[in-house]
Protein backbone atom coordinates (compact mmCIF):
# COMPACT_ATOMS: atom_id res chain seq x y z
CA MET A 1 23.35 3.12 42.25
CA ARG A 2 25.46 1.86 39.51
CA GLY A 3 23.92 -1.71 39.98
CA LEU A 4 20.41 -0.14 39.87
CA ASN A 5 21.05 1.63 36.80
CA LEU A 6 22.57 -1.55 35.03
CA CYS A 7 19.44 -3.37 36.14
CA LEU A 8 17.30 -0.71 34.43
CA ILE A 9 19.15 -0.57 31.34
CA ILE A 10 19.02 -4.61 31.16
CA ILE A 11 15.10 -4.33 31.64
CA CYS A 12 14.64 -1.83 29.04
CA MET A 13 16.95 -3.72 26.40
CA LEU A 14 15.07 -7.00 27.25
CA PHE A 15 11.77 -5.10 26.59
CA VAL A 16 12.63 -3.81 23.37
CA PHE A 17 14.35 -6.77 22.06
CA SER A 18 11.78 -9.30 22.70
CA GLY A 19 8.62 -7.39 21.93
CA CYS A 20 9.24 -4.64 19.14
CA GLY A 21 11.87 -6.27 16.61
CA ALA A 22 10.93 -5.19 13.14
CA LYS A 23 11.86 -8.89 11.68
CA ASP A 24 10.03 -10.94 14.06
CA SER A 25 6.69 -9.52 12.95
CA ASP A 26 7.66 -10.28 9.45
CA LEU A 27 8.41 -13.78 10.05
CA GLN A 28 5.11 -14.82 11.40
CA MET A 29 2.01 -14.93 9.30
CA LYS A 30 -0.88 -14.38 11.59
CA ASP A 31 -4.47 -15.48 10.97
CA ASP A 32 -6.57 -12.32 10.69
CA LYS A 33 -9.64 -13.69 9.33
CA ALA A 34 -11.63 -12.57 12.59
CA SER A 35 -10.53 -8.92 12.46
CA GLU A 36 -11.33 -8.87 8.63
CA ASP A 37 -14.91 -9.95 9.12
CA ALA A 38 -15.47 -7.81 12.45
CA SER A 39 -17.15 -5.10 10.99
CA GLU A 40 -18.01 -3.77 7.27
CA ASP A 41 -16.92 -0.40 8.12
CA ALA A 42 -13.87 -1.11 10.40
CA GLY A 43 -10.57 0.94 9.77
CA VAL A 44 -10.06 1.76 6.17
CA TYR A 45 -6.49 0.99 5.33
CA ASN A 46 -6.29 2.96 1.92
CA LEU A 47 -8.45 4.89 -0.56
CA VAL A 48 -7.48 5.46 -4.11
CA ASP A 49 -7.38 9.16 -4.49
CA TYR A 50 -6.09 9.51 -8.16
CA SER A 51 -6.48 7.63 -11.31
CA VAL A 52 -4.47 7.83 -14.66
CA VAL A 53 -6.18 7.11 -17.82
CA ASP A 54 -4.38 7.76 -20.99
CA GLY A 55 -1.91 10.07 -19.33
CA THR A 56 -4.62 12.42 -17.89
CA VAL A 57 -5.57 12.51 -13.95
CA THR A 58 -9.27 12.05 -13.56
CA THR A 59 -11.52 12.26 -10.75
CA VAL A 60 -14.74 10.48 -9.93
CA SER A 61 -16.92 13.41 -8.98
CA LYS A 62 -16.28 16.90 -8.13
CA ALA A 63 -16.73 16.11 -4.13
CA THR A 64 -14.67 13.02 -4.02
CA PRO A 65 -11.67 11.98 -5.95
CA GLY A 66 -11.21 8.25 -6.86
CA GLN A 67 -11.02 5.94 -9.62
CA SER A 68 -11.95 7.22 -13.30
CA TYR A 69 -15.26 8.42 -14.31
CA ILE A 70 -16.09 8.19 -18.27
CA GLU A 71 -18.71 10.57 -19.44
CA ASP A 72 -19.09 8.99 -22.79
CA TYR A 73 -20.75 5.67 -22.65
CA LYS A 74 -19.05 4.50 -26.03
CA THR A 75 -15.68 5.28 -24.69
CA PHE A 76 -16.57 3.33 -21.43
CA LYS A 77 -17.66 0.14 -23.12
CA LYS A 78 -14.14 0.12 -24.98
CA CYS A 79 -12.51 -0.41 -21.59
CA GLU A 80 -11.56 -3.98 -20.56
CA GLY A 81 -12.77 -5.94 -17.76
CA TYR A 82 -15.76 -7.37 -16.05
CA MET A 83 -18.83 -5.11 -15.58
CA PHE A 84 -22.22 -5.09 -13.04
CA THR A 85 -24.76 -2.32 -13.05
CA VAL A 86 -26.64 -0.59 -10.37
CA ASP A 87 -30.12 1.05 -10.87
CA LEU A 88 -30.07 4.43 -9.21
CA PRO A 89 -32.45 6.25 -7.07
CA GLU A 90 -34.55 8.92 -9.13
CA ASN A 91 -32.69 12.18 -9.91
CA VAL A 92 -29.21 11.37 -8.77
CA SER A 93 -26.55 13.16 -10.36
CA GLN A 94 -23.09 12.00 -10.87
CA ASP A 95 -21.48 14.66 -8.77
CA ALA A 96 -23.55 13.49 -5.76
CA ILE A 97 -22.50 9.94 -5.90
CA GLU A 98 -19.32 8.85 -3.70
CA TYR A 99 -16.85 6.06 -4.53
CA LYS A 100 -14.28 4.69 -2.09
CA ASP A 101 -12.20 2.20 -3.31
CA ASP A 102 -10.64 0.47 -0.30
CA TYR A 103 -8.26 -1.64 -2.32
CA ALA A 104 -6.20 -3.21 0.65
CA THR A 105 -9.50 -4.80 1.89
CA LYS A 106 -10.72 -5.41 -1.62
CA LYS A 107 -13.90 -3.31 -0.75
CA LEU A 108 -15.67 -0.84 -3.09
CA VAL A 109 -18.28 1.52 -1.38
CA ILE A 110 -20.83 3.35 -3.63
CA THR A 111 -22.94 5.85 -1.50
CA CYS A 112 -26.10 7.70 -3.24
CA PRO A 113 -28.09 10.31 -1.56
CA LEU A 114 -31.91 10.08 -0.86
CA GLU A 115 -34.29 12.79 -1.55
CA THR A 116 -37.01 10.91 0.69
CA PHE A 117 -36.35 8.18 3.21
CA ASP A 118 -37.85 4.75 1.84
CA SER A 119 -37.07 1.68 3.72
CA ASN A 120 -37.81 -0.64 0.80
CA LEU A 121 -35.21 1.08 -1.47
CA MET A 122 -31.94 -0.80 -1.86
CA LEU A 123 -29.08 -0.87 -4.33
CA GLU A 124 -28.33 -4.10 -5.89
CA PRO A 125 -25.34 -5.08 -8.30
CA LYS A 126 -26.93 -6.72 -11.56
CA GLY A 127 -25.13 -9.05 -13.97
CA ILE A 128 -22.70 -11.67 -13.94
CA LEU A 129 -20.77 -10.90 -10.63
CA ASN A 130 -17.24 -12.20 -11.41
CA TYR A 131 -15.07 -12.38 -8.42
CA VAL A 132 -17.74 -10.72 -6.23
CA SER A 133 -17.61 -12.43 -2.71
CA LYS A 134 -20.54 -10.65 -1.17
CA PHE A 135 -22.32 -7.23 -1.25
CA LYS A 136 -24.34 -5.36 1.06
CA CYS A 137 -26.63 -2.25 0.96
CA LYS A 138 -27.80 -0.13 4.03
CA GLN A 139 -29.31 3.25 4.71
CA VAL A 140 -27.10 5.55 6.36
CA ASP A 141 -28.82 8.82 7.32
CA ASN A 142 -30.31 10.10 3.95
CA SER A 143 -28.24 8.06 1.72
CA LEU A 144 -27.86 4.44 0.49
CA LYS A 145 -24.51 2.77 0.78
CA LEU A 146 -23.64 -0.16 -1.19
CA THR A 147 -20.54 -2.21 -0.18
CA VAL A 148 -19.20 -4.65 -2.66
CA THR A 149 -16.34 -6.97 -1.53
CA PHE A 150 -14.31 -8.72 -4.23
CA ALA A 151 -12.01 -11.88 -4.32
CA LYS A 152 -9.13 -9.71 -5.63
CA THR A 153 -7.89 -6.23 -5.82
CA PHE A 154 -9.27 -4.38 -9.11
CA CYS A 155 -9.50 -1.16 -10.35
CA PHE A 156 -12.60 0.69 -11.49
CA HIS A 157 -14.33 2.64 -14.02
CA TYR A 158 -17.60 4.09 -14.20
CA CYS A 159 -20.35 5.51 -16.35
CA ILE A 160 -24.00 6.71 -15.82
CA LYS A 161 -26.60 6.34 -18.54
CA ASP A 162 -30.34 6.55 -18.34
CA ASN A 163 -30.36 6.41 -14.39
CA VAL A 164 -28.06 3.30 -14.44
CA LEU A 165 -24.69 3.14 -13.18
CA TYR A 166 -22.15 0.99 -14.91
CA VAL A 167 -19.22 -0.30 -12.97
CA LYS A 168 -16.55 -1.94 -15.02
CA TYR A 169 -13.58 -3.45 -13.00
CA GLY A 170 -10.28 -5.28 -13.93
CA SER A 171 -6.73 -6.20 -12.92
CA ALA A 172 -4.64 -2.87 -12.51
CA SER A 173 -2.31 -4.24 -15.46
CA LYS A 174 -5.06 -3.87 -17.70
CA TYR A 175 -5.28 -0.06 -17.21
CA TYR A 176 -1.94 0.85 -16.35
CA ASP A 177 1.37 0.35 -17.82
CA ARG A 178 3.68 1.11 -14.88
CA ILE A 179 2.80 -0.42 -11.15
CA VAL A 180 4.65 -0.11 -8.21
CA CYS A 181 3.63 -1.64 -4.69
CA ILE A 182 4.97 -0.05 -1.42
CA ASP A 183 4.53 -1.74 1.87
CA PHE A 184 5.02 0.75 4.79
CA GLY A 185 5.93 -1.78 7.69
CA HIS A 186 3.99 -1.83 11.09
CA GLY A 187 1.49 0.86 12.01
CA GLY A 188 -1.19 1.18 14.68
CA GLU A 189 -0.84 -0.97 17.75
CA ASP A 190 2.34 -2.54 16.08
CA ILE A 191 4.75 0.15 16.75
CA GLY A 192 8.07 -1.84 15.63
CA ALA A 193 11.32 -1.08 17.33
CA MET A 194 11.68 1.66 19.86
CA THR A 195 14.75 3.75 20.95
CA TYR A 196 16.31 3.12 24.56
CA ASP A 197 14.51 6.22 25.84
CA GLY A 198 11.40 5.35 24.43
CA VAL A 199 10.85 8.74 22.59
CA TYR A 200 11.23 7.35 19.06
CA VAL A 201 9.53 4.30 17.80
CA GLU A 202 9.89 2.59 14.20
CA LYS A 203 6.38 3.08 13.03
CA ASN A 204 6.86 6.96 13.43
CA VAL A 205 9.80 6.80 10.90
CA VAL A 206 7.89 4.77 8.49
CA ASN A 207 4.82 7.03 8.71
CA GLY A 208 6.90 10.11 7.98
CA VAL A 209 8.39 8.49 4.97
CA MET A 210 4.83 7.26 4.02
CA LYS A 211 3.31 10.77 4.12
CA HIS A 212 6.03 12.03 1.50
CA LEU A 213 6.04 9.10 -0.65
CA VAL A 214 2.20 8.92 -1.07
CA LYS A 215 2.22 12.60 -1.71
CA GLU A 216 4.98 12.26 -4.45
CA TYR A 217 3.30 9.53 -6.23
CA THR A 218 -0.15 11.29 -6.10
CA GLU A 219 1.21 14.35 -7.88
CA GLN A 220 2.67 12.37 -10.88
CA GLN A 221 0.90 10.74 -13.80
CA GLN A 222 3.65 8.13 -14.91
CA THR A 223 3.16 5.38 -12.26
CA PHE A 224 0.33 3.95 -10.53
CA ALA A 225 1.31 3.31 -6.83
CA PHE A 226 -0.47 0.91 -4.55
CA PHE A 227 0.38 1.41 -0.72
CA THR A 228 -0.58 -1.25 1.78
CA ARG A 229 -1.46 1.62 4.02
CA THR A 230 -1.80 5.29 4.12
CA LYS A 231 -2.77 5.95 7.65
CA ASP A 232 -1.28 4.91 11.10
CA ASN A 233 -3.07 1.54 11.27
CA ASN A 234 -1.92 -2.02 11.28
CA MET A 235 -2.55 -4.57 8.23
CA SER A 236 -2.01 -8.37 8.43
CA LEU A 237 1.15 -9.80 6.83
CA ARG A 238 -1.18 -11.90 4.52
CA ARG A 239 -2.59 -8.98 3.12
CA ARG A 240 0.72 -6.95 2.82
CA ALA A 241 2.37 -10.17 1.10
CA ASN A 242 -0.61 -10.48 -1.37
CA LEU A 243 -1.29 -6.93 -2.75
CA ALA A 244 1.60 -6.60 -5.07
CA ASN A 245 0.68 -10.00 -6.72
CA ASP A 246 -2.90 -9.09 -6.76
CA VAL A 247 -2.37 -6.02 -8.71
CA GLY A 248 0.51 -7.22 -10.94
CA ALA A 249 3.12 -4.81 -9.61
CA ASP A 250 6.40 -4.45 -11.81
CA VAL A 251 8.32 -4.04 -8.66
CA SER A 252 7.64 -3.81 -4.81
CA ILE A 253 9.32 -2.92 -1.67
CA SER A 254 8.70 -2.92 2.22
CA LEU A 255 10.28 -0.14 4.43
CA HIS A 256 11.40 -0.80 7.80
CA CYS A 257 13.93 0.20 10.38
CA ASN A 258 16.68 -1.72 11.76
CA PHE A 259 17.64 -2.61 15.50
CA TYR A 260 20.52 -3.71 17.48
CA ALA A 261 20.11 -4.07 21.39
CA TYR A 262 23.83 -4.39 22.47
CA ASP A 263 25.60 -1.52 20.73
CA TRP A 264 24.27 2.14 19.97
CA SER A 265 27.07 2.78 17.59
CA VAL A 266 25.74 0.10 15.27
CA GLY A 267 24.24 1.85 12.09
CA GLY A 268 23.83 1.54 8.51
CA VAL A 269 21.64 0.20 5.79
CA GLU A 270 20.76 -3.25 4.68
CA THR A 271 18.60 -4.61 2.12
CA MET A 272 16.63 -8.09 2.29
CA TYR A 273 16.09 -9.96 -0.93
CA ASN A 274 14.60 -13.33 -1.64
CA LEU A 275 17.60 -15.91 -2.50
CA ASN A 276 15.11 -18.30 -4.12
CA ASP A 277 13.94 -15.80 -6.70
CA THR A 278 16.05 -16.95 -9.65
CA ASN A 279 14.16 -15.19 -12.50
CA THR A 280 16.34 -13.31 -14.95
CA PRO A 281 17.57 -10.74 -15.55
CA PHE A 282 15.22 -8.77 -12.99
CA ASN A 283 14.77 -10.61 -9.73
CA SER A 284 14.86 -9.79 -6.05
CA GLU A 285 18.66 -9.74 -5.72
CA TRP A 286 18.73 -7.27 -8.74
CA LEU A 287 16.32 -4.94 -7.00
CA ALA A 288 17.95 -5.19 -3.60
CA THR A 289 21.03 -4.38 -5.05
CA LYS A 290 19.79 -1.26 -7.13
CA VAL A 291 18.10 0.15 -3.83
CA GLN A 292 21.15 -0.42 -1.62
CA GLU A 293 23.59 1.34 -3.80
CA LYS A 294 21.45 4.18 -4.75
CA TYR A 295 19.99 4.57 -1.20
CA CYS A 296 23.25 4.42 0.69
CA ALA A 297 24.69 7.05 -1.77
CA ALA A 298 21.93 9.37 -1.45
CA VAL A 299 21.13 9.28 2.33
CA ASN A 300 24.94 8.96 3.24
CA LEU A 301 24.58 6.20 5.65
CA SER A 302 26.85 3.14 5.80
CA ASP A 303 26.27 0.39 3.42
CA ARG A 304 25.95 -2.95 5.35
CA GLY A 305 25.23 -4.87 2.18
CA ILE A 306 22.26 -6.90 0.99
CA LEU A 307 21.09 -10.17 2.86
CA ASP A 308 19.28 -13.17 2.28
CA GLY A 309 15.58 -12.74 3.50
CA SER A 310 13.88 -15.45 1.85
CA ASP A 311 12.02 -16.52 5.11
CA LEU A 312 10.26 -13.03 5.37
CA ALA A 313 6.60 -13.17 4.48
CA PHE A 314 6.67 -10.22 2.20
CA LEU A 315 9.40 -11.58 -0.09
CA ARG A 316 8.85 -15.29 -0.12
CA GLY A 317 5.59 -15.37 -2.05
CA ALA A 318 6.32 -12.10 -4.37
CA LYS A 319 5.97 -12.75 -8.28
CA MET A 320 7.88 -9.75 -9.07
CA PRO A 321 11.15 -8.21 -7.75
CA ALA A 322 10.88 -7.21 -4.20
CA CYS A 323 13.08 -6.20 -1.56
CA LEU A 324 12.81 -5.25 2.07
CA LEU A 325 14.91 -2.11 2.90
CA GLU A 326 16.01 -1.35 6.43
CA MET A 327 16.28 2.34 6.08
CA GLY A 328 18.73 2.65 9.07
CA PHE A 329 19.11 1.72 12.80
CA ILE A 330 16.65 3.24 14.94
CA SER A 331 18.99 2.25 17.71
CA GLY A 332 21.97 3.85 16.05
CA TRP A 333 23.17 7.30 16.94
CA SER A 334 24.86 7.86 13.60
CA ASP A 335 21.31 7.09 11.87
CA GLN A 336 19.02 9.05 14.24
CA GLU A 337 19.21 12.27 12.47
CA THR A 338 18.40 10.96 8.98
CA LEU A 339 15.70 8.64 10.32
CA PHE A 340 13.53 10.91 12.87
CA GLY A 341 13.89 14.48 10.87
CA ASP A 342 11.46 15.64 8.40
CA GLU A 343 14.21 16.62 5.89
CA GLY A 344 15.75 13.10 6.34
CA GLN A 345 12.39 11.34 5.82
CA LEU A 346 11.66 13.44 2.74
CA LYS A 347 15.31 12.59 1.37
CA ILE A 348 14.38 8.90 1.92
CA ALA A 349 11.00 9.10 0.33
CA THR A 350 12.36 10.79 -2.88
CA THR A 351 15.36 8.26 -3.10
CA VAL A 352 13.02 5.39 -2.81
CA LYS A 353 10.64 6.86 -5.60
CA ASP A 354 13.56 7.42 -7.73
CA VAL A 355 15.02 3.88 -7.51
CA LEU A 356 11.77 2.32 -8.07
CA GLU A 357 11.23 4.38 -11.25
CA GLU A 358 14.64 3.44 -12.53
CA ALA A 359 13.83 -0.18 -11.98
CA VAL A 360 10.57 0.14 -13.75
CA ASP A 361 12.31 1.75 -16.55
CA GLU A 362 14.84 -0.97 -17.05
CA ILE A 363 12.15 -3.59 -16.78
CA LYS A 364 10.12 -1.54 -19.61
CA ARG A 365 12.97 -1.24 -21.77
CA GLU A 366 13.94 -4.82 -21.93
CA GLY A 367 10.28 -5.75 -22.51
CA ASP A 368 10.31 -3.29 -25.47
CA SER A 369 13.46 -4.60 -26.90
CA ASN A 370 12.09 -8.15 -26.59
CA GLU A 371 8.77 -7.21 -28.89
């Protein structure tokens, strides 16, 4: 019986170690073009659900929160960025239009209701379509749905005048002074690491932290946050790695859990950084050091130090200070109470937000002092 138990333990360890390690998936950049083009309406990764314009949270319509709608056309014209227009069906009010900015997939979806069915009626962007890769309009029930796909991730502002919708778009850094990008590792079919009993998986820990972080950033007006996902679905490493650069984030971080197959007592926190980032004074090592120190102190887990993660996809192409936080060992008995409980996940989220805000504060102060 002892031999049988030993065999079962070895089999479980091999299964977890070979297929679910957090770092293995980060080292491989898979080609996801087929999944991107599979369907126009395939799984939405993230929708913008708040906007900060001149310190005020605004909404696109009463029904659907989103990017900012500007009532006054003169004010709208002062916004920076590219612009296209869309002729609207007759008698469509602003409150009836829905906007969905799925920035992770670079898609903007505009939906207008139809009073009567007209098979010839379509929505079509007009003007110089800078960075527009393609657009598609189709009728869905009693509405028209225009999907515009961009070559970059943009932020959007809208105005309606004389039955014409004006859409202005530009880089996030044109509209927001403080930008952070947070990557929530794994998701969907990519479960990440697993505990020996199979009860807990890495993506569930990350999802719990994600829930709190998205809520914390949505309820404040100081910093605009981009997330690689806000739902339990998988996003390619290429998209994860590119998003922070695309939006011009001041700092970015990727959240994961660690795993060690051979000793359940191993626990603690590690933060990975890009050794090749030699910018001064703010670089990947600077951010990793700050995150490691504050996080370990706040969640009371042992400090295993910062490590070179230059080969990680998320870090090696980052154009801003970026790090990857291993929030604790999912396999470690000492870490599991913090990682698996809602109270611990809230503490993790609060700490991550606090240290990112501190990092952005430092960067902005340095910028102000150099002006």
